[in-house]
N, C-alpha and C. Protein backbone atom coordinates (compact mmCIF):
# COMPACT_ATOMS: atom_id res chain seq x y z
N MET A 1 -9.74 -11.40 5.39
CA MET A 1 -9.43 -10.03 5.04
C MET A 1 -8.34 -10.03 3.97
N ALA A 2 -8.48 -9.12 3.01
CA ALA A 2 -7.49 -9.00 1.94
C ALA A 2 -7.20 -7.54 1.68
N LEU A 3 -5.97 -7.25 1.42
CA LEU A 3 -5.59 -5.90 1.03
C LEU A 3 -6.05 -5.70 -0.41
N VAL A 4 -6.77 -4.62 -0.68
CA VAL A 4 -7.30 -4.41 -2.03
C VAL A 4 -6.54 -3.34 -2.81
N GLY A 5 -5.55 -2.73 -2.20
CA GLY A 5 -4.75 -1.75 -2.93
C GLY A 5 -3.77 -1.05 -2.02
N ILE A 6 -2.81 -0.40 -2.64
CA ILE A 6 -1.85 0.42 -1.91
C ILE A 6 -1.54 1.63 -2.78
N VAL A 7 -1.58 2.80 -2.19
CA VAL A 7 -1.36 4.04 -2.92
C VAL A 7 -0.35 4.89 -2.15
N PRO A 8 0.82 5.14 -2.73
CA PRO A 8 1.77 6.02 -2.05
C PRO A 8 1.24 7.45 -1.99
N MET A 9 1.45 8.10 -0.85
CA MET A 9 1.10 9.51 -0.69
C MET A 9 2.41 10.26 -0.52
N LEU A 10 2.68 11.16 -1.44
CA LEU A 10 3.94 11.88 -1.47
C LEU A 10 3.76 13.33 -1.06
N PRO A 11 4.73 13.87 -0.33
CA PRO A 11 4.66 15.28 0.02
C PRO A 11 4.81 16.14 -1.23
N ALA A 12 4.04 17.23 -1.27
CA ALA A 12 4.08 18.15 -2.42
C ALA A 12 4.14 19.58 -1.90
N HIS A 13 5.33 20.18 -1.92
CA HIS A 13 5.47 21.57 -1.49
C HIS A 13 4.69 22.51 -2.40
N ASP A 14 4.77 22.27 -3.69
CA ASP A 14 4.07 23.06 -4.70
C ASP A 14 3.19 22.09 -5.47
N LEU A 15 1.91 22.07 -5.13
CA LEU A 15 1.01 21.08 -5.70
C LEU A 15 0.93 21.19 -7.22
N ALA A 16 0.82 22.40 -7.75
CA ALA A 16 0.70 22.57 -9.20
C ALA A 16 1.94 22.04 -9.92
N ALA A 17 3.12 22.33 -9.39
CA ALA A 17 4.36 21.85 -10.02
C ALA A 17 4.44 20.33 -9.95
N SER A 18 4.03 19.74 -8.83
CA SER A 18 4.06 18.29 -8.69
C SER A 18 3.08 17.63 -9.64
N VAL A 19 1.87 18.18 -9.75
CA VAL A 19 0.88 17.64 -10.68
C VAL A 19 1.42 17.70 -12.11
N ALA A 20 2.04 18.82 -12.48
CA ALA A 20 2.60 18.96 -13.84
C ALA A 20 3.70 17.93 -14.09
N PHE A 21 4.55 17.68 -13.09
CA PHE A 21 5.63 16.70 -13.21
C PHE A 21 5.06 15.31 -13.50
N TYR A 22 4.10 14.87 -12.70
CA TYR A 22 3.56 13.52 -12.88
C TYR A 22 2.73 13.41 -14.16
N ARG A 23 2.14 14.51 -14.60
CA ARG A 23 1.45 14.50 -15.89
C ARG A 23 2.45 14.23 -17.02
N ARG A 24 3.64 14.82 -16.93
CA ARG A 24 4.66 14.56 -17.95
C ARG A 24 5.03 13.08 -18.01
N LEU A 25 4.92 12.40 -16.88
CA LEU A 25 5.22 10.96 -16.85
C LEU A 25 4.03 10.11 -17.33
N GLY A 26 2.92 10.76 -17.64
CA GLY A 26 1.77 10.04 -18.17
C GLY A 26 0.60 9.89 -17.22
N PHE A 27 0.74 10.35 -15.98
CA PHE A 27 -0.37 10.28 -15.03
C PHE A 27 -1.44 11.32 -15.40
N GLU A 28 -2.67 11.01 -15.06
CA GLU A 28 -3.78 11.93 -15.25
C GLU A 28 -4.35 12.30 -13.88
N VAL A 29 -4.86 13.52 -13.77
CA VAL A 29 -5.49 13.95 -12.52
C VAL A 29 -6.82 13.23 -12.38
N GLU A 30 -6.97 12.52 -11.29
CA GLU A 30 -8.20 11.81 -10.98
C GLU A 30 -9.10 12.67 -10.09
N ASN A 31 -8.47 13.35 -9.14
CA ASN A 31 -9.19 14.23 -8.22
C ASN A 31 -8.20 15.29 -7.74
N LEU A 32 -8.60 16.54 -7.78
CA LEU A 32 -7.74 17.64 -7.36
C LEU A 32 -8.51 18.52 -6.40
N ARG A 33 -7.97 18.70 -5.22
CA ARG A 33 -8.58 19.56 -4.19
C ARG A 33 -7.54 20.61 -3.79
N GLU A 34 -7.46 21.68 -4.57
CA GLU A 34 -6.47 22.72 -4.29
C GLU A 34 -6.63 23.30 -2.90
N GLU A 35 -7.88 23.44 -2.44
CA GLU A 35 -8.12 24.00 -1.11
C GLU A 35 -7.57 23.09 -0.01
N TRP A 36 -7.43 21.82 -0.27
CA TRP A 36 -6.83 20.88 0.68
C TRP A 36 -5.33 20.74 0.44
N GLY A 37 -4.87 21.15 -0.75
CA GLY A 37 -3.48 20.91 -1.11
C GLY A 37 -3.23 19.45 -1.43
N TRP A 38 -4.20 18.82 -2.12
CA TRP A 38 -4.17 17.37 -2.33
C TRP A 38 -4.60 17.02 -3.75
N ALA A 39 -3.99 15.98 -4.30
CA ALA A 39 -4.40 15.47 -5.61
C ALA A 39 -4.23 13.96 -5.64
N SER A 40 -5.10 13.31 -6.38
CA SER A 40 -4.99 11.89 -6.67
C SER A 40 -4.75 11.78 -8.17
N MET A 41 -3.75 10.98 -8.54
CA MET A 41 -3.39 10.85 -9.94
C MET A 41 -3.34 9.38 -10.32
N ALA A 42 -3.66 9.10 -11.58
CA ALA A 42 -3.72 7.70 -12.04
C ALA A 42 -3.00 7.55 -13.37
N LEU A 43 -2.39 6.40 -13.52
CA LEU A 43 -1.80 5.96 -14.78
C LEU A 43 -2.26 4.53 -14.95
N GLY A 44 -3.30 4.33 -15.75
CA GLY A 44 -3.93 3.02 -15.85
C GLY A 44 -4.46 2.65 -14.47
N PRO A 45 -4.15 1.44 -13.99
CA PRO A 45 -4.66 1.01 -12.68
C PRO A 45 -3.82 1.53 -11.50
N HIS A 46 -2.77 2.27 -11.78
CA HIS A 46 -1.84 2.69 -10.74
C HIS A 46 -2.17 4.09 -10.24
N ARG A 47 -2.03 4.30 -8.94
CA ARG A 47 -2.41 5.56 -8.31
C ARG A 47 -1.27 6.10 -7.45
N ILE A 48 -1.21 7.43 -7.36
CA ILE A 48 -0.41 8.12 -6.36
C ILE A 48 -1.25 9.27 -5.84
N MET A 49 -0.95 9.70 -4.63
CA MET A 49 -1.56 10.90 -4.07
C MET A 49 -0.44 11.88 -3.74
N LEU A 50 -0.73 13.15 -3.91
CA LEU A 50 0.19 14.23 -3.59
C LEU A 50 -0.48 15.07 -2.51
N ASP A 51 0.27 15.44 -1.47
CA ASP A 51 -0.34 16.13 -0.34
C ASP A 51 0.60 17.18 0.24
N ARG A 52 0.13 18.42 0.25
CA ARG A 52 0.92 19.53 0.80
C ARG A 52 1.04 19.44 2.32
N SER A 53 0.05 18.87 3.00
CA SER A 53 0.06 18.87 4.47
C SER A 53 1.19 18.03 5.06
N ILE A 54 1.73 17.08 4.29
CA ILE A 54 2.82 16.25 4.81
C ILE A 54 4.18 16.73 4.31
N ALA A 55 4.20 17.90 3.65
CA ALA A 55 5.43 18.39 3.04
C ALA A 55 6.25 19.29 3.96
N GLY A 56 5.71 19.68 5.11
CA GLY A 56 6.46 20.59 5.95
C GLY A 56 6.28 20.28 7.43
N GLY A 57 6.98 21.02 8.24
CA GLY A 57 6.86 20.86 9.68
C GLY A 57 7.79 19.80 10.23
N VAL A 58 7.70 19.60 11.53
CA VAL A 58 8.58 18.69 12.25
C VAL A 58 8.43 17.25 11.77
N HIS A 59 7.24 16.86 11.41
CA HIS A 59 6.99 15.47 11.02
C HIS A 59 6.97 15.29 9.50
N ALA A 60 7.61 16.18 8.79
CA ALA A 60 7.62 16.11 7.33
C ALA A 60 8.27 14.82 6.85
N CYS A 61 7.72 14.29 5.78
CA CYS A 61 8.32 13.11 5.15
C CYS A 61 9.66 13.50 4.55
N ARG A 62 10.60 12.63 4.62
CA ARG A 62 11.92 12.88 4.05
C ARG A 62 12.34 11.69 3.18
N ASN A 63 12.97 11.99 2.09
CA ASN A 63 13.59 10.97 1.25
C ASN A 63 12.63 9.89 0.76
N ALA A 64 11.45 10.29 0.34
CA ALA A 64 10.52 9.32 -0.24
C ALA A 64 11.06 8.86 -1.59
N VAL A 65 10.90 7.58 -1.88
CA VAL A 65 11.29 7.01 -3.16
C VAL A 65 10.09 6.24 -3.71
N VAL A 66 9.75 6.50 -4.96
CA VAL A 66 8.72 5.74 -5.66
C VAL A 66 9.41 5.05 -6.83
N TYR A 67 9.22 3.75 -6.96
CA TYR A 67 9.81 3.00 -8.06
C TYR A 67 8.70 2.67 -9.05
N LEU A 68 8.86 3.13 -10.28
CA LEU A 68 7.90 2.87 -11.34
C LEU A 68 8.49 1.82 -12.28
N TYR A 69 7.74 0.78 -12.56
CA TYR A 69 8.17 -0.24 -13.51
C TYR A 69 7.59 0.14 -14.87
N ALA A 70 8.46 0.25 -15.86
CA ALA A 70 8.05 0.69 -17.19
C ALA A 70 8.11 -0.45 -18.18
N ASP A 71 7.27 -0.34 -19.23
CA ASP A 71 7.39 -1.29 -20.33
C ASP A 71 8.13 -0.65 -21.50
N ASP A 72 8.41 0.65 -21.41
CA ASP A 72 9.21 1.34 -22.43
C ASP A 72 10.00 2.44 -21.73
N LEU A 73 11.13 2.06 -21.19
CA LEU A 73 11.95 2.96 -20.39
C LEU A 73 12.40 4.19 -21.17
N ASP A 74 12.77 3.99 -22.42
CA ASP A 74 13.26 5.10 -23.22
C ASP A 74 12.18 6.16 -23.45
N GLN A 75 10.95 5.72 -23.68
CA GLN A 75 9.85 6.66 -23.86
C GLN A 75 9.59 7.44 -22.57
N LEU A 76 9.60 6.76 -21.44
CA LEU A 76 9.38 7.46 -20.17
C LEU A 76 10.52 8.41 -19.88
N ARG A 77 11.72 8.05 -20.25
CA ARG A 77 12.87 8.94 -20.07
C ARG A 77 12.66 10.23 -20.85
N GLU A 78 12.16 10.13 -22.07
CA GLU A 78 11.88 11.32 -22.87
C GLU A 78 10.84 12.21 -22.18
N ARG A 79 9.82 11.61 -21.61
CA ARG A 79 8.79 12.37 -20.90
C ARG A 79 9.36 13.07 -19.67
N ALA A 80 10.33 12.43 -19.04
CA ALA A 80 10.91 12.96 -17.81
C ALA A 80 12.09 13.88 -18.06
N ALA A 81 12.29 14.30 -19.30
CA ALA A 81 13.47 15.09 -19.67
C ALA A 81 13.49 16.41 -18.91
N LEU A 82 13.83 16.32 -17.64
CA LEU A 82 13.86 17.49 -16.77
C LEU A 82 15.26 18.06 -16.67
N ALA A 83 16.24 17.29 -17.07
CA ALA A 83 17.64 17.71 -16.93
C ALA A 83 18.18 18.17 -18.27
N GLY A 84 17.33 18.80 -19.09
CA GLY A 84 17.78 19.27 -20.38
C GLY A 84 17.36 18.31 -21.48
N PRO A 85 17.77 18.59 -22.70
CA PRO A 85 17.30 17.80 -23.84
C PRO A 85 17.75 16.34 -23.80
N GLU A 86 18.81 16.05 -23.10
CA GLU A 86 19.30 14.66 -23.03
C GLU A 86 18.48 13.83 -22.06
N GLY A 87 17.84 14.46 -21.08
CA GLY A 87 17.09 13.72 -20.08
C GLY A 87 18.00 13.03 -19.08
N PRO A 88 17.43 12.37 -18.10
CA PRO A 88 18.24 11.67 -17.10
C PRO A 88 18.97 10.48 -17.72
N GLU A 89 20.10 10.17 -17.15
CA GLU A 89 20.94 9.07 -17.64
C GLU A 89 20.33 7.72 -17.28
N ILE A 90 20.30 6.82 -18.25
CA ILE A 90 19.86 5.44 -18.01
C ILE A 90 21.09 4.62 -17.66
N ARG A 91 20.96 3.84 -16.60
CA ARG A 91 22.06 2.98 -16.14
C ARG A 91 21.59 1.55 -15.99
N ASP A 92 22.52 0.63 -16.18
CA ASP A 92 22.26 -0.78 -15.89
C ASP A 92 22.62 -1.02 -14.44
N THR A 93 21.72 -1.67 -13.69
CA THR A 93 21.95 -1.92 -12.28
C THR A 93 22.47 -3.34 -12.06
N PHE A 94 23.03 -3.56 -10.88
CA PHE A 94 23.50 -4.90 -10.53
C PHE A 94 22.34 -5.85 -10.27
N TYR A 95 21.13 -5.32 -10.10
CA TYR A 95 19.97 -6.18 -9.81
C TYR A 95 19.11 -6.42 -11.05
N GLY A 96 19.70 -6.24 -12.25
CA GLY A 96 19.06 -6.68 -13.48
C GLY A 96 18.10 -5.70 -14.13
N MET A 97 18.15 -4.44 -13.72
CA MET A 97 17.25 -3.44 -14.30
C MET A 97 18.05 -2.41 -15.08
N ARG A 98 17.40 -1.81 -16.08
CA ARG A 98 17.86 -0.56 -16.69
C ARG A 98 16.99 0.49 -16.02
N GLU A 99 17.58 1.57 -15.54
CA GLU A 99 16.76 2.55 -14.86
C GLU A 99 17.36 3.94 -14.93
N PHE A 100 16.48 4.93 -14.67
CA PHE A 100 16.93 6.30 -14.48
C PHE A 100 16.24 6.83 -13.23
N ARG A 101 16.81 7.89 -12.71
CA ARG A 101 16.30 8.48 -11.48
C ARG A 101 16.18 9.98 -11.64
N VAL A 102 15.05 10.52 -11.18
CA VAL A 102 14.82 11.96 -11.21
C VAL A 102 14.20 12.37 -9.88
N LEU A 103 14.24 13.65 -9.60
CA LEU A 103 13.55 14.21 -8.44
C LEU A 103 12.31 14.93 -8.92
N ASP A 104 11.22 14.77 -8.18
CA ASP A 104 10.04 15.58 -8.50
C ASP A 104 10.23 16.96 -7.89
N PRO A 105 9.32 17.91 -8.13
CA PRO A 105 9.52 19.27 -7.63
C PRO A 105 9.63 19.40 -6.11
N SER A 106 9.18 18.39 -5.37
CA SER A 106 9.27 18.44 -3.91
C SER A 106 10.46 17.66 -3.37
N GLY A 107 11.29 17.12 -4.25
CA GLY A 107 12.47 16.39 -3.82
C GLY A 107 12.26 14.90 -3.62
N ASN A 108 11.06 14.40 -3.92
CA ASN A 108 10.83 12.96 -3.86
C ASN A 108 11.61 12.30 -4.99
N GLN A 109 12.19 11.17 -4.69
CA GLN A 109 12.95 10.44 -5.70
C GLN A 109 12.01 9.55 -6.51
N VAL A 110 12.09 9.67 -7.81
CA VAL A 110 11.31 8.82 -8.70
C VAL A 110 12.30 8.00 -9.50
N TRP A 111 12.30 6.71 -9.25
CA TRP A 111 13.17 5.78 -9.97
C TRP A 111 12.28 5.04 -10.96
N VAL A 112 12.74 4.93 -12.19
CA VAL A 112 11.97 4.27 -13.23
C VAL A 112 12.83 3.18 -13.82
N GLY A 113 12.32 1.95 -13.86
CA GLY A 113 13.12 0.84 -14.32
C GLY A 113 12.37 -0.11 -15.24
N GLN A 114 13.17 -0.85 -16.02
CA GLN A 114 12.68 -1.90 -16.89
C GLN A 114 13.69 -3.02 -16.84
N ALA A 115 13.19 -4.24 -16.74
CA ALA A 115 14.10 -5.39 -16.68
C ALA A 115 14.98 -5.43 -17.92
N ARG A 116 16.29 -5.65 -17.70
CA ARG A 116 17.21 -5.76 -18.84
C ARG A 116 16.77 -6.91 -19.73
N GLY A 117 16.78 -6.69 -21.02
CA GLY A 117 16.40 -7.72 -21.96
C GLY A 117 14.91 -7.76 -22.25
N GLN A 118 14.12 -7.01 -21.49
CA GLN A 118 12.67 -6.97 -21.75
C GLN A 118 12.42 -6.05 -22.92
N PRO A 119 11.75 -6.52 -23.95
CA PRO A 119 11.49 -5.65 -25.10
C PRO A 119 10.53 -4.52 -24.74
N ALA A 120 10.68 -3.37 -25.40
CA ALA A 120 9.78 -2.25 -25.18
C ALA A 120 8.38 -2.66 -25.58
N GLY A 121 7.41 -2.26 -24.73
CA GLY A 121 6.03 -2.66 -24.97
C GLY A 121 5.31 -1.64 -25.69
């Protein structure tokens, strides 16, 4: 037996706003079921799912974090410019990454990083 993939499913209070956020990061809608409150999005071979049903109630997901590895951190930062024209701050981490962090419309944390010294692709 082999695992053939893993896809994070993130809570989405406002599905349309969440879809728009991930589109700004370069994801495309692969499948959208508004009546279910669900979407599947892809960026190349990478997938995420957004789901309204896990966004509320007693068993709601809390503090989800998705880490995206970028080959051009500065370009992705421009796409994610949600905090005004300057965009989120890029910081050097103690674990060898340059990264920025933003919240999606449902409060999920999206961390985007690129290894320090790695040239933009």
